[in-house]
Amino acid sequence: MQPVTESRKPVLPRLEKQKNTLAKKVLSIKDEETIELLAAYYQDLISTKRISKAQYNKEMELAEKSVNEGKFVTNTQVMEEMKKW
């Protein structure tokens, strides 16, 4: 955690107010499905780890290779498949 600097001090009260407002809204939710969705979203936010530049480049190279080999689905194909649902 970064130390509080003079330039950040005015931001803290605003953030605390936003957190309190959000907490009140979350606490007022009655729908179980909405609570589960929020919990899953929150877990995803805190568990997502950034990948390294090398990993990113590797994934991009693999994606480009797949496209160049014709291993992809067009938007039109996806839309046609969705109509079957």
C-alpha atoms as a PDB file:
ATOM      1  CA  MET A   1       0.000   0.000   0.000  1.00  0.00           C
ATOM      2  CA  GLN A   2       1.322   3.423  -0.920  1.00  0.00           C
ATOM      3  CA  PRO A   3       1.835   6.024   1.784  1.00  0.00           C
ATOM      4  CA  VAL A   4      -0.639   8.873   1.846  1.00  0.00           C
ATOM      5  CA  THR A   5       0.883  11.919   0.230  1.00  0.00           C
ATOM      6  CA  GLU A   6      -0.295  15.471   0.269  1.00  0.00           C
ATOM      7  CA  SER A   7      -1.561  15.147  -3.299  1.00  0.00           C
ATOM      8  CA  ARG A   8      -3.692  12.089  -2.380  1.00  0.00           C
ATOM      9  CA  LYS A   9      -5.280  13.455   0.798  1.00  0.00           C
ATOM     10  CA  PRO A  10      -8.259  15.155  -0.910  1.00  0.00           C
ATOM     11  CA  VAL A  11      -9.092  11.918  -2.726  1.00  0.00           C
ATOM     12  CA  LEU A  12      -9.432   9.763   0.408  1.00  0.00           C
ATOM     13  CA  PRO A  13     -12.664  11.295   1.790  1.00  0.00           C
ATOM     14  CA  ARG A  14     -14.305  10.936  -1.623  1.00  0.00           C
ATOM     15  CA  LEU A  15     -13.252   7.288  -1.848  1.00  0.00           C
ATOM     16  CA  GLU A  16     -14.442   6.569   1.680  1.00  0.00           C
ATOM     17  CA  LYS A  17     -17.804   8.113   0.833  1.00  0.00           C
ATOM     18  CA  GLN A  18     -18.055   5.988  -2.320  1.00  0.00           C
ATOM     19  CA  LYS A  19     -17.137   2.831  -0.392  1.00  0.00           C
ATOM     20  CA  ASN A  20     -19.730   3.554   2.292  1.00  0.00           C
ATOM     21  CA  THR A  21     -22.419   4.268  -0.299  1.00  0.00           C
ATOM     22  CA  LEU A  22     -21.579   1.067  -2.170  1.00  0.00           C
ATOM     23  CA  ALA A  23     -21.540  -0.979   1.054  1.00  0.00           C
ATOM     24  CA  LYS A  24     -25.009   0.314   1.991  1.00  0.00           C
ATOM     25  CA  LYS A  25     -26.337  -0.606  -1.441  1.00  0.00           C
ATOM     26  CA  VAL A  26     -24.837  -4.099  -1.277  1.00  0.00           C
ATOM     27  CA  LEU A  27     -26.204  -4.647   2.228  1.00  0.00           C
ATOM     28  CA  SER A  28     -29.690  -3.708   1.025  1.00  0.00           C
ATOM     29  CA  ILE A  29     -29.749  -6.365  -1.735  1.00  0.00           C
ATOM     30  CA  LYS A  30     -32.320  -9.063  -1.041  1.00  0.00           C
ATOM     31  CA  ASP A  31     -32.025 -11.127  -4.227  1.00  0.00           C
ATOM     32  CA  GLU A  32     -29.809 -14.179  -3.671  1.00  0.00           C
ATOM     33  CA  GLU A  33     -28.865 -14.452  -7.344  1.00  0.00           C
ATOM     34  CA  THR A  34     -27.668 -10.839  -7.414  1.00  0.00           C
ATOM     35  CA  ILE A  35     -25.577 -11.382  -4.284  1.00  0.00           C
ATOM     36  CA  GLU A  36     -23.998 -14.504  -5.776  1.00  0.00           C
ATOM     37  CA  LEU A  37     -23.270 -12.642  -9.000  1.00  0.00           C
ATOM     38  CA  LEU A  38     -21.618  -9.773  -7.117  1.00  0.00           C
ATOM     39  CA  ALA A  39     -19.590 -12.238  -5.040  1.00  0.00           C
ATOM     40  CA  ALA A  40     -18.371 -14.024  -8.164  1.00  0.00           C
ATOM     41  CA  TYR A  41     -17.521 -10.729  -9.867  1.00  0.00           C
ATOM     42  CA  TYR A  42     -15.618  -9.535  -6.806  1.00  0.00           C
ATOM     43  CA  GLN A  43     -13.699 -12.818  -6.581  1.00  0.00           C
ATOM     44  CA  ASP A  44     -12.789 -12.518 -10.247  1.00  0.00           C
ATOM     45  CA  LEU A  45     -11.534  -8.966  -9.711  1.00  0.00           C
ATOM     46  CA  ILE A  46      -9.248  -9.858  -6.825  1.00  0.00           C
ATOM     47  CA  SER A  47      -7.976 -13.150  -8.233  1.00  0.00           C
ATOM     48  CA  THR A  48      -7.089 -11.958 -11.714  1.00  0.00           C
ATOM     49  CA  LYS A  49      -3.339 -11.772 -12.046  1.00  0.00           C
ATOM     50  CA  ARG A  50      -1.523  -9.772 -14.642  1.00  0.00           C
ATOM     51  CA  ILE A  51       0.517 -11.785 -17.075  1.00  0.00           C
ATOM     52  CA  SER A  52       4.071 -10.954 -18.026  1.00  0.00           C
ATOM     53  CA  LYS A  53       4.964  -9.222 -21.253  1.00  0.00           C
ATOM     54  CA  ALA A  54       6.587 -12.447 -22.451  1.00  0.00           C
ATOM     55  CA  GLN A  55       3.400 -14.436 -21.721  1.00  0.00           C
ATOM     56  CA  TYR A  56       1.292 -11.791 -23.489  1.00  0.00           C
ATOM     57  CA  ASN A  57       3.541 -11.917 -26.549  1.00  0.00           C
ATOM     58  CA  LYS A  58       3.422 -15.728 -26.555  1.00  0.00           C
ATOM     59  CA  GLU A  59      -0.385 -15.705 -26.438  1.00  0.00           C
ATOM     60  CA  MET A  60      -0.545 -13.138 -29.239  1.00  0.00           C
ATOM     61  CA  GLU A  61       1.785 -15.219 -31.403  1.00  0.00           C
ATOM     62  CA  LEU A  62      -0.373 -18.316 -30.842  1.00  0.00           C
ATOM     63  CA  ALA A  63      -3.520 -16.349 -31.677  1.00  0.00           C
ATOM     64  CA  GLU A  64      -1.977 -14.962 -34.870  1.00  0.00           C
ATOM     65  CA  LYS A  65      -0.856 -18.463 -35.848  1.00  0.00           C
ATOM     66  CA  SER A  66      -4.397 -19.782 -35.370  1.00  0.00           C
ATOM     67  CA  VAL A  67      -5.854 -17.016 -37.521  1.00  0.00           C
ATOM     68  CA  ASN A  68      -3.243 -17.534 -40.224  1.00  0.00           C
ATOM     69  CA  GLU A  69      -4.108 -21.258 -40.245  1.00  0.00           C
ATOM     70  CA  GLY A  70      -7.776 -20.426 -40.682  1.00  0.00           C
ATOM     71  CA  LYS A  71      -8.708 -21.571 -37.183  1.00  0.00           C
ATOM     72  CA  PHE A  72     -11.239 -18.915 -36.303  1.00  0.00           C
ATOM     73  CA  VAL A  73     -14.957 -18.193 -36.354  1.00  0.00           C
ATOM     74  CA  THR A  74     -16.373 -15.093 -37.998  1.00  0.00           C
ATOM     75  CA  ASN A  75     -18.951 -12.855 -36.392  1.00  0.00           C
ATOM     76  CA  THR A  76     -21.452 -13.919 -39.043  1.00  0.00           C
ATOM     77  CA  GLN A  77     -20.903 -17.578 -38.153  1.00  0.00           C
ATOM     78  CA  VAL A  78     -21.437 -16.809 -34.466  1.00  0.00           C
ATOM     79  CA  MET A  79     -24.650 -14.913 -35.201  1.00  0.00           C
ATOM     80  CA  GLU A  80     -25.966 -17.790 -37.323  1.00  0.00           C
ATOM     81  CA  GLU A  81     -25.153 -20.276 -34.557  1.00  0.00           C
ATOM     82  CA  MET A  82     -26.909 -18.074 -31.986  1.00  0.00           C
ATOM     83  CA  LYS A  83     -30.101 -18.207 -34.032  1.00  0.00           C
ATOM     84  CA  LYS A  84     -30.205 -21.960 -33.424  1.00  0.00           C
ATOM     85  CA  TRP A  85     -30.320 -21.536 -29.639  1.00  0.00           C
END
